[in-house]
Amino acid sequence: MEILDTQIISYAFKNTYEGKVSRKYIASITAKEFLLVQNPEKAKVNYYVPLPQRFTDSIRDHPFPKNSSDRIVLEFGRDYPTISEFGNLAITDMINLGRKSLFNEALRFLSKEMRKTILRRFDFLLEQEIRCAPLSRDAAEIGMSLFYAFASQYNIKQNPRNTIYDILILATTIASSATLTTQDSLLNRFASEYFQGDITENAGILSIEFGKPVDSGRRNSQESKGYINKGWRASLKNFQGAW
């Protein structure tokens, strides 16, 4: 199982990536970035993606509310702002089930240009038969642990959310015992060392294979759990038993 990071799938969409993307995977965090769910400047969502099993494809007269989607809350005590992530499971189902008509309803109240842009990207994912791997309980816990360890050694990005997104993509790959294809050398070399992933590089593209179960591959496990004592935690709402 090969997971492509956000940069790689964006390059492929722009036809500037020479590698194959058909029938590969992306993490739900990448899917949300690629489909412009999150507004990076305003720290809020542009639209909410509903869980498909809860709604029909009927035309609506108002946007889907936040409680129509799943939600993951990442709390970092006094260290970083709390992050609420909506729609990881919902966007996974939209892509994997090919629910284009329902997805289009989620976009109905956006501007015409933004809706057109997002639908082109969604069509690209369907045409390439790209699958999505959701952020799971294991991935969230790995992500919190990995972010704690990374922040203890390196400077994070000016907007902490951007580093956390990178971490959650890594964590999804690790939890899936998959291979990550990426260009982010610092963060991913750290992850491959921390979780003993096998890394190869070709023309600036890194492939990191996390083929071992996360418990057997992880080192410094006690140290990485320090986030628990700082009041950091991940909690979930409206996942309907997915965790």
Protein backbone atom coordinates (compact mmCIF):
# COMPACT_ATOMS: atom_id res chain seq x y z
CA MET A 1 0.00 0.00 0.00
CA GLU A 2 1.53 3.31 -1.12
CA ILE A 3 0.32 6.64 0.28
CA LEU A 4 1.09 9.85 -1.63
CA ASP A 5 1.56 13.07 0.30
CA THR A 6 -0.17 16.37 -0.54
CA GLN A 7 2.64 17.75 -2.68
CA ILE A 8 2.86 14.63 -4.82
CA ILE A 9 -0.88 14.44 -5.52
CA SER A 10 -0.92 18.17 -6.31
CA TYR A 11 1.95 17.77 -8.77
CA ALA A 12 0.18 14.84 -10.39
CA PHE A 13 -2.99 16.90 -10.77
CA LYS A 14 -0.95 19.63 -12.48
CA ASN A 15 0.71 16.98 -14.67
CA THR A 16 4.19 17.81 -13.32
CA TYR A 17 4.83 14.50 -11.55
CA GLU A 18 6.40 11.74 -13.60
CA GLY A 19 5.51 8.89 -11.28
CA LYS A 20 2.38 6.78 -11.31
CA VAL A 21 -0.51 7.79 -9.04
CA SER A 22 -3.30 5.61 -10.38
CA ARG A 23 -4.80 3.26 -7.77
CA LYS A 24 -2.53 4.63 -5.03
CA TYR A 25 -3.71 5.99 -1.67
CA ILE A 26 -3.85 9.37 0.02
CA ALA A 27 -4.43 10.10 3.70
CA SER A 28 -7.70 11.80 4.63
CA ILE A 29 -5.69 14.84 5.78
CA THR A 30 -4.23 15.08 2.26
CA ALA A 31 -7.68 14.63 0.71
CA LYS A 32 -9.03 17.51 2.79
CA GLU A 33 -6.11 19.76 1.81
CA PHE A 34 -6.36 18.81 -1.86
CA LEU A 35 -10.13 19.34 -1.91
CA LEU A 36 -9.84 22.69 -0.08
CA VAL A 37 -11.96 21.65 2.88
CA GLN A 38 -9.83 23.67 5.27
CA ASN A 39 -9.31 27.42 4.92
CA PRO A 40 -5.65 27.84 5.97
CA GLU A 41 -5.87 31.60 6.42
CA LYS A 42 -8.99 31.69 8.58
CA ALA A 43 -8.41 28.44 10.52
CA LYS A 44 -11.91 27.24 9.67
CA VAL A 45 -13.53 24.99 7.10
CA ASN A 46 -14.77 26.16 3.71
CA TYR A 47 -17.49 23.50 3.81
CA TYR A 48 -18.52 20.48 5.87
CA VAL A 49 -18.47 17.03 4.30
CA PRO A 50 -21.35 14.87 5.60
CA LEU A 51 -21.10 11.22 6.49
CA PRO A 52 -22.73 9.54 3.44
CA GLN A 53 -24.69 6.99 5.43
CA ARG A 54 -26.61 9.77 7.18
CA PHE A 55 -27.86 11.68 4.13
CA THR A 56 -29.47 11.16 0.76
CA ASP A 57 -28.46 12.89 -2.46
CA SER A 58 -31.48 15.23 -2.35
CA ILE A 59 -30.99 18.93 -3.08
CA ARG A 60 -30.58 21.10 0.02
CA ASP A 61 -31.44 24.74 0.68
CA HIS A 62 -28.61 25.30 3.18
CA PRO A 63 -25.05 24.03 3.78
CA PHE A 64 -24.43 20.85 5.71
CA PRO A 65 -23.91 21.64 9.42
CA LYS A 66 -20.81 20.70 11.38
CA ASN A 67 -22.64 17.94 13.25
CA SER A 68 -23.28 16.16 9.95
CA SER A 69 -19.61 15.19 9.84
CA ASP A 70 -17.12 13.39 12.04
CA ARG A 71 -14.76 15.41 14.21
CA ILE A 72 -11.36 14.87 15.80
CA VAL A 73 -10.18 17.31 18.48
CA LEU A 74 -6.44 17.59 19.14
CA GLU A 75 -5.60 19.37 22.38
CA PHE A 76 -2.08 20.54 23.24
CA GLY A 77 -2.55 22.07 26.67
CA ARG A 78 -0.95 25.50 26.80
CA ASP A 79 1.64 24.66 24.16
CA TYR A 80 -0.35 25.06 20.95
CA PRO A 81 -3.90 26.03 19.98
CA THR A 82 -6.51 23.27 19.98
CA ILE A 83 -7.26 21.91 16.51
CA SER A 84 -10.66 20.58 15.46
CA GLU A 85 -10.50 18.39 12.38
CA PHE A 86 -13.82 17.76 10.64
CA GLY A 87 -14.59 15.16 8.00
CA ASN A 88 -11.72 12.68 7.94
CA LEU A 89 -14.05 9.69 7.83
CA ALA A 90 -16.61 11.52 5.69
CA ILE A 91 -14.14 12.55 2.97
CA THR A 92 -12.74 9.01 2.95
CA ASP A 93 -16.19 7.58 2.27
CA MET A 94 -16.95 10.22 -0.40
CA ILE A 95 -13.82 9.22 -2.33
CA ASN A 96 -13.89 5.47 -1.77
CA LEU A 97 -17.63 5.21 -2.52
CA GLY A 98 -17.51 7.68 -5.41
CA ARG A 99 -20.36 9.76 -3.96
CA LYS A 100 -20.03 12.65 -6.41
CA SER A 101 -23.64 13.85 -6.28
CA LEU A 102 -23.64 14.07 -2.48
CA PHE A 103 -20.21 15.70 -2.52
CA ASN A 104 -21.53 18.25 -5.00
CA GLU A 105 -24.31 19.07 -2.52
CA ALA A 106 -21.67 19.82 0.11
CA LEU A 107 -20.18 22.40 -2.29
CA ARG A 108 -23.47 23.96 -3.36
CA PHE A 109 -23.11 27.18 -1.36
CA LEU A 110 -19.51 27.94 -2.30
CA SER A 111 -18.62 30.39 -5.04
CA LYS A 112 -18.96 29.10 -8.59
CA GLU A 113 -15.22 29.23 -9.22
CA MET A 114 -14.29 27.44 -6.00
CA ARG A 115 -16.91 24.77 -6.59
CA LYS A 116 -15.61 24.22 -10.12
CA THR A 117 -12.02 23.95 -8.88
CA ILE A 118 -12.88 21.45 -6.16
CA LEU A 119 -15.01 19.28 -8.46
CA ARG A 120 -12.16 19.08 -10.99
CA ARG A 121 -9.93 17.81 -8.22
CA PHE A 122 -12.53 15.33 -7.00
CA ASP A 123 -13.00 14.04 -10.56
CA PHE A 124 -9.23 13.60 -10.84
CA LEU A 125 -9.20 11.37 -7.75
CA LEU A 126 -12.05 9.26 -9.12
CA GLU A 127 -10.55 9.02 -12.61
CA GLN A 128 -7.22 7.89 -11.18
CA GLU A 129 -9.01 5.42 -8.89
CA ILE A 130 -7.20 6.89 -5.91
CA ARG A 131 -8.28 5.52 -2.55
CA CYS A 132 -8.31 7.29 0.79
CA ALA A 133 -7.06 6.10 4.18
CA PRO A 134 -8.84 7.80 7.12
CA LEU A 135 -7.25 9.17 10.25
CA SER A 136 -7.87 6.39 12.79
CA ARG A 137 -7.53 6.16 16.56
CA ASP A 138 -4.13 4.50 16.20
CA ALA A 139 -2.99 7.14 13.70
CA ALA A 140 -4.13 9.98 15.97
CA GLU A 141 -2.26 8.51 18.94
CA ILE A 142 0.86 7.94 16.85
CA GLY A 143 0.52 11.49 15.51
CA MET A 144 0.38 13.04 18.98
CA SER A 145 3.38 11.01 20.07
CA LEU A 146 5.34 11.84 16.93
CA PHE A 147 4.51 15.55 17.08
CA TYR A 148 5.67 15.69 20.71
CA ALA A 149 8.98 14.04 19.80
CA PHE A 150 9.47 16.19 16.70
CA ALA A 151 8.68 19.47 18.50
CA SER A 152 11.16 18.52 21.21
CA GLN A 153 14.00 18.38 18.67
CA TYR A 154 13.11 20.66 15.75
CA ASN A 155 11.47 23.98 15.02
CA ILE A 156 7.92 23.58 13.79
CA LYS A 157 6.43 25.69 11.00
CA GLN A 158 5.19 29.21 11.70
CA ASN A 159 1.65 27.89 11.56
CA PRO A 160 1.75 24.79 13.85
CA ARG A 161 -1.25 23.35 12.01
CA ASN A 162 0.91 22.80 8.91
CA THR A 163 3.43 20.70 10.81
CA ILE A 164 0.63 18.82 12.54
CA TYR A 165 -0.94 18.03 9.15
CA ASP A 166 2.39 16.62 7.94
CA ILE A 167 2.63 14.57 11.12
CA LEU A 168 -0.90 13.17 10.72
CA ILE A 169 -0.17 12.10 7.14
CA LEU A 170 2.91 10.29 8.44
CA ALA A 171 0.93 8.79 11.29
CA THR A 172 -1.73 7.46 8.90
CA THR A 173 1.00 5.79 6.85
CA ILE A 174 2.65 4.29 9.91
CA ALA A 175 -0.63 3.01 11.35
CA SER A 176 -1.38 1.39 7.97
CA SER A 177 2.10 -0.21 7.75
CA ALA A 178 2.27 1.42 4.32
CA THR A 179 4.85 3.24 2.18
CA LEU A 180 4.85 7.05 2.03
CA THR A 181 5.92 8.83 -1.17
CA THR A 182 6.95 12.40 -0.36
CA GLN A 183 9.38 15.28 -0.88
CA ASP A 184 9.43 16.47 2.75
CA SER A 185 12.92 15.27 3.68
CA LEU A 186 13.38 16.57 7.26
CA LEU A 187 10.10 15.43 8.75
CA ASN A 188 10.08 12.11 6.96
CA ARG A 189 13.70 11.20 7.65
CA PHE A 190 12.93 11.84 11.30
CA ALA A 191 9.89 9.59 11.11
CA SER A 192 11.76 6.82 9.30
CA GLU A 193 14.44 6.88 12.00
CA TYR A 194 11.98 7.09 14.87
CA PHE A 195 9.83 4.24 13.57
CA GLN A 196 12.63 2.36 11.77
CA GLY A 197 11.20 2.79 8.29
CA ASP A 198 13.22 1.80 5.24
CA ILE A 199 13.93 4.88 3.13
CA THR A 200 14.94 5.21 -0.53
CA GLU A 201 15.38 8.36 -2.62
CA ASN A 202 15.13 8.94 -6.35
CA ALA A 203 15.38 12.40 -7.94
CA GLY A 204 14.28 14.13 -4.75
CA ILE A 205 11.32 11.83 -4.17
CA LEU A 206 11.45 9.85 -0.93
CA SER A 207 9.81 6.49 -0.38
CA ILE A 208 9.59 5.43 3.26
CA GLU A 209 8.35 1.93 3.96
CA PHE A 210 6.76 1.35 7.35
CA GLY A 211 6.24 -2.34 6.87
CA LYS A 212 6.44 -3.37 10.52
CA PRO A 213 3.57 -3.19 13.01
CA VAL A 214 3.78 0.10 14.86
CA ASP A 215 4.49 -1.45 18.27
CA SER A 216 7.48 -3.49 17.10
CA GLY A 217 8.99 -0.69 15.00
CA ARG A 218 8.69 2.16 17.50
CA ARG A 219 11.63 3.23 19.61
CA ASN A 220 11.74 5.55 22.63
CA SER A 221 8.14 4.62 23.33
CA GLN A 222 8.20 5.80 26.93
CA GLU A 223 9.77 9.12 25.98
CA SER A 224 7.26 9.64 23.18
CA LYS A 225 4.37 9.28 25.63
CA GLY A 226 5.46 12.45 27.43
CA TYR A 227 2.64 14.31 25.73
CA ILE A 228 0.16 12.54 28.01
CA ASN A 229 1.65 14.19 31.08
CA LYS A 230 1.38 17.59 29.40
CA GLY A 231 -2.37 17.32 29.00
CA TRP A 232 -2.22 16.63 25.27
CA ARG A 233 -4.98 14.40 23.99
CA ALA A 234 -7.00 13.40 20.95
CA SER A 235 -10.75 12.89 21.22
CA LEU A 236 -13.42 11.98 18.72
CA LYS A 237 -17.02 12.86 18.05
CA ASN A 238 -19.60 11.48 15.64
CA PHE A 239 -17.45 8.66 14.29
CA GLN A 240 -20.31 6.18 14.73
CA GLY A 241 -18.13 3.47 16.21
CA ALA A 242 -15.28 3.82 13.71
CA TRP A 243 -12.77 4.06 16.55
